[in-house]
């Protein structure tokens, strides 16, 4: 951590500002802008694989990464892959085209660690002429680490706010 970042973080902590405020107060540098762009690309790439049957979701995580989806928790890349297979089998296939939109990103970068908070909205279009329909929405909180110049998820907490699939009814926790 650079001396400037450390001083800004300590000043924010001493003045009683919360962690999110401290992160906002960190100086913006070329490196943090590049890191932010890489994290945004990571999120977009990750979500582009949903519903396609392709993509190795475990590869987006560190070896001991944790994924918590509405209370269903998987630890480690293989367990995360298994959780995605479980979700794919437990969620009915929607007709048409499904897209996941990410909005309101709040990304805080401190050295080789970061947090990202986003709102996600699942949109389905039955056909090119039908109006799109919002089918689900929620939030996620991610903890990330940078290794070898690449960002990985360390821990992700995904919480539905609407359109909860039936398979999560027993494990869902309002957060």
N, C-alpha and C. Protein backbone atom coordinates (compact mmCIF):
# COMPACT_ATOMS: atom_id res chain seq x y z
N UNK A 1 0.86 -1.17 0.00
CA UNK A 1 0.00 0.00 0.00
C UNK A 1 0.91 1.23 0.00
N UNK A 2 0.60 2.19 -0.86
CA UNK A 2 1.42 3.38 -0.93
C UNK A 2 1.21 4.22 0.33
N UNK A 3 2.17 5.06 0.61
CA UNK A 3 2.10 5.91 1.80
C UNK A 3 0.90 6.85 1.73
N UNK A 4 0.60 7.37 0.54
CA UNK A 4 -0.53 8.28 0.39
C UNK A 4 -1.84 7.56 0.70
N UNK A 5 -2.00 6.34 0.18
CA UNK A 5 -3.22 5.56 0.45
C UNK A 5 -3.35 5.25 1.93
N UNK A 6 -2.23 4.87 2.55
CA UNK A 6 -2.26 4.54 3.97
C UNK A 6 -2.64 5.76 4.79
N UNK A 7 -2.09 6.91 4.47
CA UNK A 7 -2.42 8.14 5.20
C UNK A 7 -3.89 8.49 5.03
N UNK A 8 -4.41 8.38 3.79
CA UNK A 8 -5.82 8.67 3.54
C UNK A 8 -6.72 7.71 4.31
N UNK A 9 -6.36 6.44 4.34
CA UNK A 9 -7.16 5.45 5.05
C UNK A 9 -7.12 5.70 6.55
N UNK A 10 -5.95 5.98 7.10
CA UNK A 10 -5.84 6.26 8.53
C UNK A 10 -6.60 7.54 8.90
N UNK A 11 -6.51 8.57 8.08
CA UNK A 11 -7.22 9.82 8.35
C UNK A 11 -8.73 9.57 8.38
N UNK A 12 -9.22 8.78 7.44
CA UNK A 12 -10.65 8.48 7.40
C UNK A 12 -11.07 7.69 8.63
N UNK A 13 -10.23 6.75 9.06
CA UNK A 13 -10.57 5.94 10.23
C UNK A 13 -10.56 6.81 11.49
N UNK A 14 -9.60 7.72 11.60
CA UNK A 14 -9.51 8.58 12.78
C UNK A 14 -10.66 9.57 12.86
N UNK A 15 -11.21 9.95 11.73
CA UNK A 15 -12.32 10.90 11.73
C UNK A 15 -13.67 10.19 11.85
N UNK A 16 -13.63 8.87 12.01
CA UNK A 16 -14.86 8.12 12.22
C UNK A 16 -15.62 7.77 10.96
N UNK A 17 -15.02 7.96 9.81
CA UNK A 17 -15.70 7.62 8.57
C UNK A 17 -15.63 6.11 8.37
N UNK A 18 -16.70 5.54 7.79
CA UNK A 18 -16.76 4.10 7.57
C UNK A 18 -15.84 3.64 6.47
N UNK A 19 -15.75 2.33 6.31
CA UNK A 19 -14.85 1.74 5.32
C UNK A 19 -15.19 2.19 3.90
N UNK A 20 -16.48 2.26 3.57
CA UNK A 20 -16.85 2.67 2.21
C UNK A 20 -16.41 4.10 1.97
N UNK A 21 -16.56 4.96 2.97
CA UNK A 21 -16.15 6.35 2.81
C UNK A 21 -14.64 6.42 2.68
N UNK A 22 -13.93 5.62 3.47
CA UNK A 22 -12.47 5.61 3.39
C UNK A 22 -12.03 5.19 1.99
N UNK A 23 -12.69 4.20 1.43
CA UNK A 23 -12.33 3.73 0.10
C UNK A 23 -12.57 4.82 -0.93
N UNK A 24 -13.65 5.56 -0.78
CA UNK A 24 -13.95 6.64 -1.72
C UNK A 24 -12.91 7.75 -1.65
N UNK A 25 -12.30 7.92 -0.49
CA UNK A 25 -11.36 9.01 -0.28
C UNK A 25 -9.95 8.67 -0.76
N UNK A 26 -9.71 7.42 -1.10
CA UNK A 26 -8.39 7.05 -1.58
C UNK A 26 -8.10 7.77 -2.88
N UNK A 27 -6.85 8.16 -3.10
CA UNK A 27 -6.52 8.89 -4.32
C UNK A 27 -6.73 8.02 -5.56
N UNK A 28 -7.19 8.65 -6.60
CA UNK A 28 -7.41 7.98 -7.87
C UNK A 28 -6.11 8.06 -8.66
N UNK A 29 -5.62 6.90 -9.07
CA UNK A 29 -4.38 6.84 -9.83
C UNK A 29 -4.63 6.10 -11.14
N UNK A 30 -3.66 6.16 -12.02
CA UNK A 30 -3.76 5.41 -13.27
C UNK A 30 -3.90 3.93 -12.96
N UNK A 31 -3.15 3.44 -11.98
CA UNK A 31 -3.21 2.02 -11.63
C UNK A 31 -4.58 1.63 -11.09
N UNK A 32 -5.19 2.46 -10.24
CA UNK A 32 -6.51 2.10 -9.72
C UNK A 32 -7.56 2.15 -10.82
N UNK A 33 -7.40 3.07 -11.78
CA UNK A 33 -8.33 3.10 -12.91
C UNK A 33 -8.21 1.85 -13.77
N UNK A 34 -6.98 1.41 -13.98
CA UNK A 34 -6.76 0.17 -14.75
C UNK A 34 -7.34 -1.01 -13.98
N UNK A 35 -7.08 -1.07 -12.68
CA UNK A 35 -7.62 -2.16 -11.86
C UNK A 35 -9.14 -2.17 -11.89
N UNK A 36 -9.74 -1.00 -11.79
CA UNK A 36 -11.20 -0.91 -11.83
C UNK A 36 -11.75 -1.44 -13.17
N UNK A 37 -11.11 -1.04 -14.26
CA UNK A 37 -11.54 -1.51 -15.57
C UNK A 37 -11.40 -3.04 -15.66
N UNK A 38 -10.32 -3.58 -15.11
CA UNK A 38 -10.13 -5.03 -15.13
C UNK A 38 -11.21 -5.74 -14.29
N UNK A 39 -11.58 -5.17 -13.16
CA UNK A 39 -12.62 -5.77 -12.32
C UNK A 39 -13.98 -5.68 -13.01
N UNK A 40 -14.27 -4.55 -13.64
CA UNK A 40 -15.53 -4.43 -14.39
C UNK A 40 -15.58 -5.44 -15.53
N UNK A 41 -14.46 -5.64 -16.23
CA UNK A 41 -14.40 -6.65 -17.29
C UNK A 41 -14.58 -8.05 -16.73
N UNK A 42 -13.99 -8.33 -15.58
CA UNK A 42 -14.14 -9.62 -14.93
C UNK A 42 -15.62 -9.90 -14.64
N UNK A 43 -16.31 -8.92 -14.07
CA UNK A 43 -17.74 -9.07 -13.76
C UNK A 43 -18.56 -9.30 -15.03
N UNK A 44 -18.30 -8.50 -16.05
CA UNK A 44 -19.06 -8.64 -17.30
C UNK A 44 -18.79 -9.99 -17.95
N UNK A 45 -17.54 -10.43 -17.96
CA UNK A 45 -17.20 -11.73 -18.55
C UNK A 45 -17.87 -12.86 -17.76
N UNK A 46 -17.81 -12.78 -16.47
CA UNK A 46 -18.41 -13.79 -15.59
C UNK A 46 -19.90 -13.93 -15.88
N UNK A 47 -20.61 -12.81 -15.86
CA UNK A 47 -22.05 -12.84 -16.06
C UNK A 47 -22.45 -13.20 -17.50
N UNK A 48 -21.56 -12.98 -18.47
CA UNK A 48 -21.91 -13.30 -19.85
C UNK A 48 -22.04 -14.81 -20.06
N UNK A 49 -21.50 -15.61 -19.17
CA UNK A 49 -21.57 -17.07 -19.29
C UNK A 49 -22.84 -17.66 -18.69
N UNK A 50 -23.57 -16.88 -17.89
CA UNK A 50 -24.78 -17.42 -17.25
C UNK A 50 -25.78 -17.89 -18.29
N UNK A 51 -26.28 -19.08 -18.10
CA UNK A 51 -27.32 -19.61 -18.97
C UNK A 51 -26.83 -20.11 -20.31
N UNK A 52 -25.52 -20.05 -20.57
CA UNK A 52 -25.01 -20.48 -21.87
C UNK A 52 -24.54 -21.92 -21.87
N UNK A 53 -24.33 -22.50 -20.68
CA UNK A 53 -23.80 -23.85 -20.60
C UNK A 53 -22.31 -23.91 -20.82
N UNK A 54 -21.69 -22.75 -20.98
CA UNK A 54 -20.24 -22.72 -21.15
C UNK A 54 -19.62 -21.85 -20.06
N UNK A 55 -18.35 -21.92 -19.94
CA UNK A 55 -17.66 -21.10 -18.95
C UNK A 55 -17.32 -21.92 -17.73
N UNK A 56 -16.08 -21.85 -17.32
CA UNK A 56 -15.62 -22.53 -16.12
C UNK A 56 -15.63 -21.50 -15.00
N UNK A 57 -16.75 -21.43 -14.27
CA UNK A 57 -16.90 -20.40 -13.26
C UNK A 57 -15.84 -20.50 -12.16
N UNK A 58 -15.38 -21.70 -11.85
CA UNK A 58 -14.36 -21.87 -10.82
C UNK A 58 -13.06 -21.16 -11.17
N UNK A 59 -12.78 -20.99 -12.45
CA UNK A 59 -11.54 -20.32 -12.88
C UNK A 59 -11.51 -18.85 -12.52
N UNK A 60 -12.64 -18.28 -12.18
CA UNK A 60 -12.71 -16.87 -11.80
C UNK A 60 -12.33 -16.66 -10.33
N UNK A 61 -12.16 -17.76 -9.58
CA UNK A 61 -11.93 -17.72 -8.14
C UNK A 61 -10.52 -18.18 -7.79
N UNK A 62 -10.02 -17.71 -6.64
CA UNK A 62 -8.81 -18.29 -6.09
C UNK A 62 -9.14 -19.72 -5.67
N UNK A 63 -8.11 -20.54 -5.46
CA UNK A 63 -8.31 -21.97 -5.19
C UNK A 63 -9.27 -22.22 -4.03
N UNK A 64 -9.19 -21.40 -2.99
CA UNK A 64 -10.07 -21.60 -1.82
C UNK A 64 -11.19 -20.56 -1.77
N UNK A 65 -11.58 -20.05 -2.93
CA UNK A 65 -12.62 -19.03 -3.01
C UNK A 65 -13.95 -19.53 -2.46
N UNK A 66 -14.79 -18.58 -2.07
CA UNK A 66 -16.09 -18.89 -1.49
C UNK A 66 -17.18 -18.20 -2.30
N UNK A 67 -18.22 -18.96 -2.63
CA UNK A 67 -19.40 -18.42 -3.30
C UNK A 67 -20.61 -18.73 -2.43
N UNK A 68 -21.34 -17.69 -2.07
CA UNK A 68 -22.56 -17.81 -1.27
C UNK A 68 -23.70 -17.23 -2.10
N UNK A 69 -24.57 -18.11 -2.60
CA UNK A 69 -25.71 -17.68 -3.39
C UNK A 69 -26.97 -17.95 -2.57
N UNK A 70 -27.55 -16.89 -2.03
CA UNK A 70 -28.79 -17.02 -1.26
C UNK A 70 -28.70 -18.09 -0.19
N UNK A 71 -27.54 -18.18 0.47
CA UNK A 71 -27.38 -19.13 1.56
C UNK A 71 -26.81 -20.48 1.16
N UNK A 72 -26.75 -20.80 -0.13
CA UNK A 72 -26.05 -22.01 -0.58
C UNK A 72 -24.59 -21.63 -0.74
N UNK A 73 -23.71 -22.31 0.01
CA UNK A 73 -22.30 -21.91 0.05
C UNK A 73 -21.42 -23.01 -0.53
N UNK A 74 -20.48 -22.59 -1.38
CA UNK A 74 -19.49 -23.50 -1.94
C UNK A 74 -18.11 -22.91 -1.68
N UNK A 75 -17.17 -23.78 -1.29
CA UNK A 75 -15.80 -23.33 -1.04
C UNK A 75 -14.86 -24.14 -1.92
N UNK A 76 -14.06 -23.44 -2.70
CA UNK A 76 -13.11 -24.08 -3.60
C UNK A 76 -13.66 -24.12 -5.02
N UNK A 77 -12.75 -24.13 -5.98
CA UNK A 77 -13.13 -24.04 -7.38
C UNK A 77 -14.04 -25.19 -7.82
N UNK A 78 -13.74 -26.41 -7.41
CA UNK A 78 -14.58 -27.55 -7.83
C UNK A 78 -15.97 -27.47 -7.21
N UNK A 79 -16.04 -27.08 -5.95
CA UNK A 79 -17.35 -26.95 -5.30
C UNK A 79 -18.17 -25.83 -5.94
N UNK A 80 -17.51 -24.78 -6.37
CA UNK A 80 -18.20 -23.67 -7.05
C UNK A 80 -18.75 -24.16 -8.38
N UNK A 81 -17.96 -24.93 -9.13
CA UNK A 81 -18.44 -25.51 -10.39
C UNK A 81 -19.67 -26.39 -10.12
N UNK A 82 -19.61 -27.20 -9.07
CA UNK A 82 -20.73 -28.09 -8.73
C UNK A 82 -21.97 -27.28 -8.36
N UNK A 83 -21.79 -26.17 -7.65
CA UNK A 83 -22.93 -25.33 -7.29
C UNK A 83 -23.58 -24.75 -8.54
N UNK A 84 -22.78 -24.33 -9.51
CA UNK A 84 -23.36 -23.80 -10.75
C UNK A 84 -24.12 -24.88 -11.52
N UNK A 85 -23.62 -26.11 -11.50
CA UNK A 85 -24.36 -27.21 -12.14
C UNK A 85 -25.69 -27.45 -11.42
N UNK A 86 -25.65 -27.38 -10.09
CA UNK A 86 -26.87 -27.55 -9.28
C UNK A 86 -27.89 -26.45 -9.60
N UNK A 87 -27.43 -25.21 -9.70
CA UNK A 87 -28.31 -24.10 -10.01
C UNK A 87 -28.89 -24.26 -11.42
N UNK A 88 -28.06 -24.68 -12.37
CA UNK A 88 -28.54 -24.87 -13.75
C UNK A 88 -29.63 -25.94 -13.81
N UNK A 89 -29.46 -27.01 -13.05
CA UNK A 89 -30.47 -28.10 -13.05
C UNK A 89 -31.70 -27.72 -12.24
N UNK A 90 -31.54 -26.83 -11.26
CA UNK A 90 -32.66 -26.48 -10.39
C UNK A 90 -33.45 -25.26 -10.84
N UNK A 91 -33.02 -24.63 -11.93
CA UNK A 91 -33.69 -23.44 -12.43
C UNK A 91 -34.27 -23.74 -13.81
N UNK A 92 -35.58 -23.57 -13.98
CA UNK A 92 -36.17 -23.85 -15.30
C UNK A 92 -35.58 -22.95 -16.38
N UNK A 93 -35.40 -23.52 -17.56
CA UNK A 93 -34.88 -22.76 -18.71
C UNK A 93 -35.96 -21.81 -19.21
N UNK A 94 -35.59 -20.56 -19.38
CA UNK A 94 -36.53 -19.56 -19.91
C UNK A 94 -36.47 -19.57 -21.43
N UNK A 95 -37.61 -19.40 -22.08
CA UNK A 95 -37.57 -19.29 -23.55
C UNK A 95 -37.00 -17.93 -23.96
N UNK A 96 -36.30 -17.90 -25.07
CA UNK A 96 -35.78 -16.63 -25.58
C UNK A 96 -34.37 -16.34 -25.11
N UNK A 97 -34.08 -15.07 -24.96
CA UNK A 97 -32.74 -14.59 -24.61
C UNK A 97 -32.74 -14.01 -23.21
N UNK A 98 -31.80 -14.47 -22.40
CA UNK A 98 -31.64 -13.98 -21.03
C UNK A 98 -30.35 -13.20 -20.94
N UNK A 99 -30.41 -12.04 -20.32
CA UNK A 99 -29.23 -11.21 -20.09
C UNK A 99 -29.22 -10.76 -18.64
N UNK A 100 -28.02 -10.62 -18.11
CA UNK A 100 -27.85 -10.10 -16.76
C UNK A 100 -27.24 -8.71 -16.88
N UNK A 101 -27.93 -7.71 -16.33
CA UNK A 101 -27.44 -6.34 -16.33
C UNK A 101 -26.81 -6.05 -14.97
N UNK A 102 -25.69 -5.37 -14.96
CA UNK A 102 -25.03 -4.96 -13.72
C UNK A 102 -25.08 -3.45 -13.64
N UNK A 103 -25.46 -2.95 -12.47
CA UNK A 103 -25.56 -1.49 -12.33
C UNK A 103 -25.06 -1.05 -10.97
N UNK A 104 -24.88 0.25 -10.84
CA UNK A 104 -24.44 0.91 -9.62
C UNK A 104 -23.18 0.30 -9.02
N UNK A 105 -22.15 0.04 -9.83
CA UNK A 105 -20.94 -0.57 -9.27
C UNK A 105 -20.24 0.37 -8.30
N UNK A 106 -19.85 -0.18 -7.18
CA UNK A 106 -19.04 0.53 -6.19
C UNK A 106 -17.81 -0.34 -5.97
N UNK A 107 -16.70 0.10 -6.50
CA UNK A 107 -15.47 -0.69 -6.47
C UNK A 107 -14.43 0.09 -5.68
N UNK A 108 -13.88 -0.54 -4.66
CA UNK A 108 -12.83 0.07 -3.84
C UNK A 108 -11.58 -0.79 -3.95
N UNK A 109 -10.48 -0.16 -4.33
CA UNK A 109 -9.23 -0.88 -4.57
C UNK A 109 -8.18 -0.37 -3.60
N UNK A 110 -7.54 -1.31 -2.90
CA UNK A 110 -6.43 -0.99 -2.02
C UNK A 110 -5.32 -1.99 -2.33
N UNK A 111 -4.36 -1.54 -3.11
CA UNK A 111 -3.27 -2.43 -3.49
C UNK A 111 -3.77 -3.59 -4.33
N UNK A 112 -3.48 -4.81 -3.87
CA UNK A 112 -3.88 -6.01 -4.59
C UNK A 112 -5.14 -6.65 -4.03
N UNK A 113 -5.95 -5.85 -3.33
CA UNK A 113 -7.25 -6.32 -2.84
C UNK A 113 -8.30 -5.30 -3.26
N UNK A 114 -9.52 -5.77 -3.36
CA UNK A 114 -10.61 -4.87 -3.75
C UNK A 114 -11.93 -5.44 -3.25
N UNK A 115 -12.92 -4.56 -3.19
CA UNK A 115 -14.29 -4.98 -2.97
C UNK A 115 -15.12 -4.39 -4.10
N UNK A 116 -16.16 -5.12 -4.46
CA UNK A 116 -17.08 -4.63 -5.49
C UNK A 116 -18.49 -4.95 -5.04
N UNK A 117 -19.35 -3.96 -5.11
CA UNK A 117 -20.77 -4.12 -4.81
C UNK A 117 -21.54 -3.68 -6.03
N UNK A 118 -22.45 -4.53 -6.51
CA UNK A 118 -23.26 -4.20 -7.67
C UNK A 118 -24.69 -4.66 -7.46
N UNK A 119 -25.58 -4.08 -8.23
CA UNK A 119 -26.96 -4.54 -8.33
C UNK A 119 -27.06 -5.29 -9.64
N UNK A 120 -27.65 -6.49 -9.60
CA UNK A 120 -27.83 -7.24 -10.84
C UNK A 120 -29.32 -7.38 -11.13
N UNK A 121 -29.62 -7.36 -12.42
CA UNK A 121 -31.01 -7.46 -12.87
C UNK A 121 -31.06 -8.44 -14.04
N UNK A 122 -31.83 -9.51 -13.88
CA UNK A 122 -32.01 -10.49 -14.94
C UNK A 122 -33.16 -10.08 -15.84
N UNK A 123 -32.90 -9.99 -17.12
CA UNK A 123 -33.89 -9.57 -18.10
C UNK A 123 -34.04 -10.68 -19.13
N UNK A 124 -35.29 -11.01 -19.44
CA UNK A 124 -35.56 -12.04 -20.44
C UNK A 124 -36.42 -11.47 -21.57
N UNK A 125 -36.05 -11.83 -22.79
CA UNK A 125 -36.83 -11.45 -23.97
C UNK A 125 -37.24 -12.75 -24.67
N UNK A 126 -38.54 -13.03 -24.68
CA UNK A 126 -39.03 -14.26 -25.29
C UNK A 126 -38.73 -14.28 -26.78
N UNK A 127 -38.87 -13.12 -27.44
CA UNK A 127 -38.56 -13.02 -28.86
C UNK A 127 -38.06 -11.61 -29.14
N UNK A 128 -37.58 -11.41 -30.33
CA UNK A 128 -37.06 -10.10 -30.71
C UNK A 128 -38.18 -9.05 -30.77
N UNK A 129 -39.41 -9.48 -30.93
CA UNK A 129 -40.53 -8.53 -31.01
C UNK A 129 -41.26 -8.35 -29.69
N UNK A 130 -40.98 -9.20 -28.71
CA UNK A 130 -41.67 -9.07 -27.42
C UNK A 130 -40.89 -8.11 -26.52
N UNK A 131 -41.59 -7.43 -25.63
CA UNK A 131 -40.88 -6.53 -24.72
C UNK A 131 -40.08 -7.35 -23.69
N UNK A 132 -38.92 -6.86 -23.31
CA UNK A 132 -38.15 -7.57 -22.30
C UNK A 132 -38.86 -7.51 -20.95
N UNK A 133 -38.62 -8.54 -20.14
CA UNK A 133 -39.24 -8.63 -18.82
C UNK A 133 -38.15 -8.81 -17.77
N UNK A 134 -38.26 -8.05 -16.70
CA UNK A 134 -37.35 -8.26 -15.58
C UNK A 134 -37.83 -9.50 -14.84
N UNK A 135 -36.94 -10.50 -14.69
CA UNK A 135 -37.33 -11.75 -14.06
C UNK A 135 -36.69 -11.95 -12.69
N UNK A 136 -35.64 -11.22 -12.39
CA UNK A 136 -35.01 -11.31 -11.08
C UNK A 136 -34.12 -10.10 -10.85
N UNK A 137 -33.88 -9.83 -9.57
CA UNK A 137 -32.99 -8.73 -9.24
C UNK A 137 -32.40 -8.97 -7.86
N UNK A 138 -31.19 -8.47 -7.66
CA UNK A 138 -30.55 -8.62 -6.37
C UNK A 138 -29.26 -7.84 -6.29
N UNK A 139 -28.50 -8.20 -5.27
CA UNK A 139 -27.24 -7.50 -4.99
C UNK A 139 -26.13 -8.52 -4.82
N UNK A 140 -24.91 -8.06 -5.01
CA UNK A 140 -23.78 -8.91 -4.68
C UNK A 140 -22.67 -8.08 -4.07
N UNK A 141 -21.93 -8.73 -3.20
CA UNK A 141 -20.75 -8.14 -2.58
C UNK A 141 -19.60 -9.09 -2.87
N UNK A 142 -18.54 -8.55 -3.46
CA UNK A 142 -17.39 -9.36 -3.83
C UNK A 142 -16.14 -8.86 -3.14
N UNK A 143 -15.32 -9.81 -2.71
CA UNK A 143 -13.98 -9.52 -2.23
C UNK A 143 -13.04 -10.14 -3.26
N UNK A 144 -12.10 -9.34 -3.76
CA UNK A 144 -11.22 -9.78 -4.83
C UNK A 144 -9.76 -9.63 -4.44
N UNK A 145 -8.92 -10.43 -5.09
CA UNK A 145 -7.47 -10.32 -4.92
C UNK A 145 -6.83 -10.35 -6.30
N UNK A 146 -5.71 -9.67 -6.39
CA UNK A 146 -4.97 -9.63 -7.66
C UNK A 146 -3.74 -10.50 -7.51
N UNK A 147 -3.62 -11.46 -8.43
CA UNK A 147 -2.49 -12.38 -8.42
C UNK A 147 -1.95 -12.51 -9.83
N UNK A 148 -0.65 -12.30 -9.97
CA UNK A 148 -0.03 -12.40 -11.28
C UNK A 148 -0.62 -11.43 -12.29
N UNK A 149 -1.05 -10.26 -11.82
CA UNK A 149 -1.60 -9.24 -12.70
C UNK A 149 -3.06 -9.46 -13.08
N UNK A 150 -3.71 -10.45 -12.49
CA UNK A 150 -5.10 -10.75 -12.81
C UNK A 150 -5.94 -10.76 -11.54
N UNK A 151 -7.18 -10.27 -11.65
CA UNK A 151 -8.10 -10.23 -10.52
C UNK A 151 -8.90 -11.52 -10.43
N UNK A 152 -9.10 -11.99 -9.19
CA UNK A 152 -9.88 -13.20 -8.91
C UNK A 152 -10.85 -12.92 -7.76
N UNK A 153 -11.95 -13.63 -7.76
CA UNK A 153 -12.86 -13.56 -6.63
C UNK A 153 -12.27 -14.37 -5.47
N UNK A 154 -12.33 -13.78 -4.30
CA UNK A 154 -11.96 -14.49 -3.08
C UNK A 154 -13.23 -14.93 -2.36
N UNK A 155 -14.21 -14.04 -2.34
CA UNK A 155 -15.49 -14.33 -1.69
C UNK A 155 -16.57 -13.53 -2.38
N UNK A 156 -17.69 -14.19 -2.68
CA UNK A 156 -18.83 -13.52 -3.30
C UNK A 156 -20.08 -13.87 -2.51
N UNK A 157 -20.87 -12.85 -2.23
CA UNK A 157 -22.15 -13.06 -1.56
C UNK A 157 -23.22 -12.48 -2.48
N UNK A 158 -24.07 -13.37 -2.99
CA UNK A 158 -25.12 -12.99 -3.93
C UNK A 158 -26.46 -13.14 -3.22
N UNK A 159 -27.25 -12.08 -3.24
CA UNK A 159 -28.53 -12.08 -2.53
C UNK A 159 -29.64 -11.61 -3.46
N UNK A 160 -30.67 -12.41 -3.59
CA UNK A 160 -31.84 -12.02 -4.39
C UNK A 160 -32.71 -11.05 -3.62
N UNK A 161 -33.27 -10.09 -4.35
CA UNK A 161 -34.25 -9.16 -3.79
C UNK A 161 -35.62 -9.36 -4.44
N UNK A 162 -35.66 -10.10 -5.52
CA UNK A 162 -36.92 -10.38 -6.22
C UNK A 162 -36.69 -11.44 -7.28
N UNK A 163 -37.71 -12.27 -7.51
CA UNK A 163 -37.61 -13.34 -8.49
C UNK A 163 -36.79 -14.52 -7.99
N UNK A 164 -36.79 -14.76 -6.68
CA UNK A 164 -36.01 -15.84 -6.09
C UNK A 164 -36.44 -17.19 -6.67
N UNK A 165 -35.50 -17.94 -7.29
CA UNK A 165 -35.84 -19.28 -7.77
C UNK A 165 -36.23 -20.20 -6.60
N UNK A 166 -37.15 -21.11 -6.86
CA UNK A 166 -37.67 -22.00 -5.82
C UNK A 166 -36.57 -22.78 -5.11
N UNK A 167 -35.50 -23.13 -5.80
CA UNK A 167 -34.45 -23.94 -5.18
C UNK A 167 -33.75 -23.24 -4.02
N UNK A 168 -33.91 -21.91 -3.90
CA UNK A 168 -33.27 -21.17 -2.82
C UNK A 168 -34.21 -20.84 -1.66
N UNK A 169 -35.44 -21.25 -1.73
CA UNK A 169 -36.41 -20.86 -0.69
C UNK A 169 -35.99 -21.32 0.70
N UNK A 170 -35.37 -22.48 0.83
CA UNK A 170 -34.98 -23.00 2.14
C UNK A 170 -33.70 -22.37 2.67
N UNK A 171 -32.82 -21.90 1.79
CA UNK A 171 -31.53 -21.38 2.22
C UNK A 171 -31.46 -19.86 2.23
N UNK A 172 -32.47 -19.20 1.66
CA UNK A 172 -32.44 -17.74 1.52
C UNK A 172 -32.33 -17.06 2.87
N UNK A 173 -31.48 -16.05 2.91
CA UNK A 173 -31.31 -15.21 4.10
C UNK A 173 -31.42 -13.76 3.68
N UNK A 174 -32.33 -13.02 4.29
CA UNK A 174 -32.42 -11.59 3.98
C UNK A 174 -31.17 -10.93 4.58
N UNK A 175 -30.44 -10.23 3.73
CA UNK A 175 -29.19 -9.58 4.19
C UNK A 175 -29.24 -8.12 3.90
